[in-house]
Amino acid sequence: MLLLLQKVFLTTDELRAWGWRIPFVIGAALAIIAAVMRRNLHETEAFEAAKNLPRRQSSLRALFNYPREVLLVVGLTAGGSAAFYTYTTYMQKFLKLSVGLSDNQTTTVTLSALVFGIILQPIYGAISDRIGRKWLLIAFGVCGVLFTIPILTALQSASGPLTAFLLIAAAWMIVSGYTSINAVVKAELFPTKVRATGVGVPYAVTVSIFGGTAESIALWFKSIGHEAWFSYYLTAVIATSLIVYATMRDTRDHSAMGRHE
């Protein structure tokens, strides 16, 4: 949408003055459509079966019966969400402010990288069905620890949009080890009765802390003259999640999907 507004519909001045609001308006409309779609989706057989069981306590209170799983969601999410928001939300500002690309180049590179990332998701998901979720998460963690600093450092001195795209594409090949399967891994941790709350609450809190702040932390490091420190911060967060990945059970083989209690 931003690329269309930049290249087809609006001038630069119009986009800066009021046109930047258009994607937000479209997003709000799509949110309403998504809500309507969700209301008409068929529930899974497991949920329908669990619906007939007696409810002894609220799902939020029941969450206290699963402290290990809640902590796993936090540990799983921290590194992955920080990396995801770095290469999506923050990347446009990074390409503009640090790499020095033009507005059109920045949007084109970001769009191309996102399309590449989309293509990777089902491929990595299929791989996880064969080798297990754990090994894909470990691969993300190890590669994230080893290559985050080199990728962000190389990006900062990228010679042009093609180089920037190739580096971000390389980052997506790492981050997709988390993004492609994180939802199913968390869902496989909890039985039906508490699954939505068990995934949603710790996930939302963790994303707010580590994902939502990634851009602000990166820009703060830049403002104090130590932009490179952000790559060390991101590496440390991924390393913390790697410990969780290495010590958890593989949810593909130990799934709670079929359990109701």
Protein backbone atom coordinates (compact mmCIF):
# COMPACT_ATOMS: atom_id res chain seq x y z
CA MET A 1 0.00 0.00 0.00
CA LEU A 2 2.79 2.41 0.88
CA LEU A 3 4.54 1.67 -2.40
CA LEU A 4 1.35 2.38 -4.36
CA LEU A 5 0.81 5.64 -2.49
CA GLN A 6 4.42 6.69 -3.10
CA LYS A 7 4.62 5.78 -6.77
CA VAL A 8 1.06 6.11 -8.10
CA PHE A 9 -1.46 8.06 -6.07
CA LEU A 10 0.23 10.77 -3.98
CA THR A 11 3.08 13.21 -4.08
CA THR A 12 5.71 13.14 -1.35
CA ASP A 13 4.20 16.24 0.29
CA GLU A 14 0.67 14.76 0.23
CA LEU A 15 1.93 11.52 1.72
CA ARG A 16 3.71 13.30 4.55
CA ALA A 17 0.81 15.69 5.22
CA TRP A 18 -2.13 13.27 5.36
CA GLY A 19 -1.63 10.26 3.09
CA TRP A 20 0.24 8.26 5.74
CA ARG A 21 -3.14 7.79 7.47
CA ILE A 22 -4.60 5.81 4.55
CA PRO A 23 -2.95 2.44 5.38
CA PHE A 24 -4.17 2.79 8.98
CA VAL A 25 -7.76 3.38 7.82
CA ILE A 26 -7.56 0.33 5.54
CA GLY A 27 -6.09 -1.70 8.40
CA ALA A 28 -8.97 -0.69 10.67
CA ALA A 29 -11.50 -1.78 8.02
CA LEU A 30 -9.70 -5.11 7.57
CA ALA A 31 -9.80 -5.63 11.35
CA ILE A 32 -13.61 -5.39 11.23
CA ILE A 33 -13.73 -7.85 8.33
CA ALA A 34 -11.42 -10.23 10.23
CA ALA A 35 -13.68 -10.05 13.30
CA VAL A 36 -16.72 -10.96 11.18
CA MET A 37 -14.82 -13.84 9.56
CA ARG A 38 -13.79 -15.21 12.96
CA ARG A 39 -17.36 -15.20 14.24
CA ASN A 40 -18.36 -17.44 11.34
CA LEU A 41 -15.46 -19.90 11.52
CA HIS A 42 -16.23 -23.48 12.55
CA GLU A 43 -14.71 -24.53 15.85
CA THR A 44 -12.34 -27.50 15.96
CA GLU A 45 -13.62 -30.93 17.04
CA ALA A 46 -11.45 -30.73 20.16
CA PHE A 47 -13.05 -27.45 21.23
CA GLU A 48 -16.57 -28.73 20.56
CA ALA A 49 -15.82 -31.79 22.70
CA ALA A 50 -14.34 -29.69 25.49
CA LYS A 51 -17.33 -27.34 25.46
CA ASN A 52 -19.52 -30.06 26.94
CA LEU A 53 -17.22 -30.66 29.90
CA PRO A 54 -18.07 -28.96 33.22
CA ARG A 55 -16.18 -25.69 33.78
CA ARG A 56 -14.67 -25.68 37.26
CA GLN A 57 -12.89 -22.30 37.05
CA SER A 58 -12.23 -19.45 34.65
CA SER A 59 -9.55 -19.97 32.01
CA LEU A 60 -7.49 -17.12 33.49
CA ARG A 61 -7.52 -18.73 36.94
CA ALA A 62 -6.84 -22.13 35.38
CA LEU A 63 -3.70 -20.62 33.84
CA PHE A 64 -2.03 -20.79 37.28
CA ASN A 65 -2.12 -24.58 36.92
CA TYR A 66 0.33 -24.30 34.00
CA PRO A 67 3.24 -22.13 35.22
CA ARG A 68 5.84 -24.08 33.24
CA GLU A 69 3.90 -23.66 29.99
CA VAL A 70 3.34 -19.96 30.62
CA LEU A 71 7.06 -19.43 31.20
CA LEU A 72 7.81 -21.42 28.06
CA VAL A 73 5.62 -19.07 26.02
CA VAL A 74 7.52 -16.09 27.46
CA GLY A 75 10.90 -17.69 26.71
CA LEU A 76 9.84 -18.84 23.25
CA THR A 77 8.51 -15.42 22.30
CA ALA A 78 11.16 -13.01 23.59
CA GLY A 79 13.94 -13.61 21.07
CA GLY A 80 11.67 -14.38 18.14
CA SER A 81 9.46 -11.33 18.51
CA ALA A 82 12.45 -9.00 19.04
CA ALA A 83 14.02 -10.33 15.82
CA PHE A 84 10.73 -10.21 13.91
CA TYR A 85 10.03 -6.59 14.83
CA THR A 86 13.62 -5.65 14.03
CA TYR A 87 13.36 -6.91 10.44
CA THR A 88 9.84 -5.59 9.87
CA THR A 89 8.80 -2.52 11.86
CA TYR A 90 12.25 -1.08 12.54
CA MET A 91 13.84 -2.06 9.25
CA GLN A 92 12.22 0.73 7.22
CA LYS A 93 13.64 3.37 9.54
CA PHE A 94 17.01 1.58 9.60
CA LEU A 95 17.22 1.50 5.79
CA LYS A 96 16.28 5.18 5.59
CA LEU A 97 18.29 6.63 8.49
CA SER A 98 21.31 4.32 8.72
CA VAL A 99 21.73 2.81 5.24
CA GLY A 100 20.71 6.01 3.46
CA LEU A 101 18.24 4.59 0.93
CA SER A 102 15.55 6.81 -0.59
CA ASP A 103 11.90 6.48 0.42
CA ASN A 104 11.04 4.46 -2.69
CA GLN A 105 14.09 2.23 -2.34
CA THR A 106 13.33 1.64 1.34
CA THR A 107 9.73 0.63 0.65
CA THR A 108 10.69 -1.58 -2.31
CA VAL A 109 13.39 -3.41 -0.35
CA THR A 110 11.08 -3.90 2.65
CA LEU A 111 8.22 -5.19 0.48
CA SER A 112 10.51 -7.57 -1.43
CA ALA A 113 11.96 -8.93 1.81
CA LEU A 114 8.49 -9.46 3.29
CA VAL A 115 7.34 -11.35 0.19
CA PHE A 116 10.44 -13.52 0.45
CA GLY A 117 9.64 -14.11 4.12
CA ILE A 118 6.06 -15.10 3.27
CA ILE A 119 7.32 -17.71 0.81
CA LEU A 120 9.55 -19.23 3.49
CA GLN A 121 6.79 -19.76 6.08
CA PRO A 122 5.06 -22.87 4.65
CA ILE A 123 8.41 -24.36 3.64
CA TYR A 124 9.79 -24.09 7.18
CA GLY A 125 6.49 -25.29 8.59
CA ALA A 126 6.70 -28.43 6.45
CA ILE A 127 10.28 -28.97 7.60
CA SER A 128 9.16 -28.78 11.24
CA ASP A 129 6.57 -31.49 10.58
CA ARG A 130 9.41 -33.75 9.49
CA ILE A 131 12.24 -32.96 11.90
CA GLY A 132 10.28 -31.48 14.83
CA ARG A 133 9.61 -27.98 16.12
CA LYS A 134 12.50 -27.94 18.57
CA TRP A 135 15.26 -28.33 16.01
CA LEU A 136 13.91 -25.50 13.88
CA LEU A 137 13.75 -23.22 16.93
CA ILE A 138 17.28 -24.20 17.92
CA ALA A 139 18.46 -23.44 14.37
CA PHE A 140 16.89 -19.97 14.65
CA GLY A 141 18.51 -19.43 18.05
CA VAL A 142 22.00 -20.57 17.04
CA CYS A 143 22.00 -18.68 13.73
CA GLY A 144 20.47 -15.63 15.42
CA VAL A 145 23.27 -15.57 17.98
CA LEU A 146 25.99 -16.10 15.36
CA PHE A 147 24.76 -13.85 12.55
CA THR A 148 22.67 -10.99 13.99
CA ILE A 149 25.68 -8.76 14.60
CA PRO A 150 27.33 -9.49 11.19
CA ILE A 151 24.05 -8.96 9.29
CA LEU A 152 23.14 -5.66 10.97
CA THR A 153 26.74 -4.44 10.69
CA ALA A 154 26.87 -5.30 6.98
CA LEU A 155 23.47 -3.70 6.44
CA GLN A 156 24.66 -0.42 7.85
CA SER A 157 27.32 -0.21 5.15
CA ALA A 158 25.22 -1.74 2.33
CA SER A 159 26.18 -0.31 -1.06
CA GLY A 160 22.65 -0.22 -2.47
CA PRO A 161 19.11 -1.63 -2.37
CA LEU A 162 20.07 -5.02 -3.84
CA THR A 163 22.71 -5.62 -1.16
CA ALA A 164 20.26 -4.50 1.51
CA PHE A 165 17.61 -6.90 0.20
CA LEU A 166 20.00 -9.85 0.13
CA LEU A 167 21.07 -9.20 3.72
CA ILE A 168 17.50 -8.87 4.98
CA ALA A 169 16.56 -12.01 3.02
CA ALA A 170 19.38 -13.81 4.83
CA ALA A 171 17.94 -12.55 8.11
CA TRP A 172 14.51 -13.88 7.12
CA MET A 173 16.02 -17.31 6.46
CA ILE A 174 17.03 -17.26 10.13
CA VAL A 175 13.97 -15.61 11.69
CA SER A 176 11.56 -17.89 9.81
CA GLY A 177 12.73 -20.71 12.04
CA TYR A 178 10.67 -18.95 14.70
CA THR A 179 7.91 -17.12 12.80
CA SER A 180 6.77 -20.15 10.79
CA ILE A 181 5.97 -22.34 13.80
CA ASN A 182 5.73 -20.18 16.92
CA ALA A 183 1.92 -20.18 16.93
CA VAL A 184 1.57 -23.95 16.67
CA VAL A 185 4.31 -24.59 19.23
CA LYS A 186 2.51 -22.45 21.80
CA ALA A 187 -0.86 -24.01 20.96
CA GLU A 188 0.63 -27.48 21.45
CA LEU A 189 1.66 -26.55 25.01
CA PHE A 190 -1.87 -26.16 26.40
CA PRO A 191 -5.01 -28.32 26.62
CA THR A 192 -8.19 -27.07 24.96
CA LYS A 193 -9.84 -25.46 27.98
CA VAL A 194 -7.03 -23.01 28.63
CA ARG A 195 -5.34 -22.82 25.23
CA ALA A 196 -6.53 -19.39 24.04
CA THR A 197 -5.72 -17.71 27.36
CA GLY A 198 -2.53 -19.71 27.87
CA VAL A 199 -1.15 -18.63 24.52
CA GLY A 200 -2.67 -15.16 24.32
CA VAL A 201 -1.84 -13.59 27.69
CA PRO A 202 1.89 -14.41 28.09
CA TYR A 203 2.43 -13.94 24.36
CA ALA A 204 0.85 -10.46 24.34
CA VAL A 205 2.82 -9.34 27.39
CA THR A 206 6.12 -10.66 26.01
CA VAL A 207 5.61 -9.16 22.56
CA SER A 208 4.86 -5.80 24.20
CA ILE A 209 8.07 -5.94 26.22
CA PHE A 210 10.50 -7.33 23.64
CA GLY A 211 8.85 -6.83 20.24
CA GLY A 212 7.07 -3.54 20.72
CA THR A 213 10.12 -1.88 22.24
CA ALA A 214 12.67 -3.12 19.67
CA GLU A 215 12.39 -0.03 17.48
CA SER A 216 12.48 2.39 20.43
CA ILE A 217 15.55 0.70 21.90
CA ALA A 218 17.32 0.69 18.54
CA LEU A 219 16.58 4.38 17.96
CA TRP A 220 17.68 5.23 21.50
CA PHE A 221 21.03 3.52 20.96
CA LYS A 222 21.36 5.48 17.72
CA SER A 223 20.51 8.77 19.48
CA ILE A 224 23.30 8.29 22.04
CA GLY A 225 25.83 7.45 19.34
CA HIS A 226 26.03 3.68 19.90
CA GLU A 227 23.78 2.23 17.21
CA ALA A 228 25.81 -1.00 17.08
CA TRP A 229 24.83 -1.79 20.67
CA PHE A 230 21.36 -2.74 19.50
CA SER A 231 22.74 -5.74 17.61
CA TYR A 232 24.36 -6.93 20.85
CA TYR A 233 21.08 -6.42 22.72
CA LEU A 234 19.15 -8.39 20.09
CA THR A 235 21.75 -11.17 20.16
CA ALA A 236 21.45 -11.40 23.96
CA VAL A 237 17.64 -11.69 23.81
CA ILE A 238 17.85 -14.42 21.15
CA ALA A 239 20.50 -16.24 23.22
CA THR A 240 18.14 -16.23 26.21
CA SER A 241 15.41 -17.82 24.11
CA LEU A 242 17.91 -20.33 22.74
CA ILE A 243 18.35 -21.71 26.25
CA VAL A 244 14.58 -22.33 26.33
CA TYR A 245 14.60 -23.97 22.90
CA ALA A 246 17.45 -26.28 23.88
CA THR A 247 15.85 -27.43 27.14
CA MET A 248 12.17 -27.74 26.16
CA ARG A 249 10.47 -30.87 24.90
CA ASP A 250 9.54 -31.05 21.24
CA THR A 251 5.85 -30.13 21.12
CA ARG A 252 5.36 -32.08 17.91
CA ASP A 253 5.96 -35.29 19.87
CA HIS A 254 4.52 -34.09 23.21
CA SER A 255 1.48 -32.11 22.13
CA ALA A 256 -1.44 -31.16 24.39
CA MET A 257 -3.69 -30.52 21.39
CA GLY A 258 -5.82 -33.56 22.06
CA ARG A 259 -6.18 -32.93 25.81
CA HIS A 260 -9.12 -31.08 27.29
CA GLU A 261 -7.92 -30.75 30.91
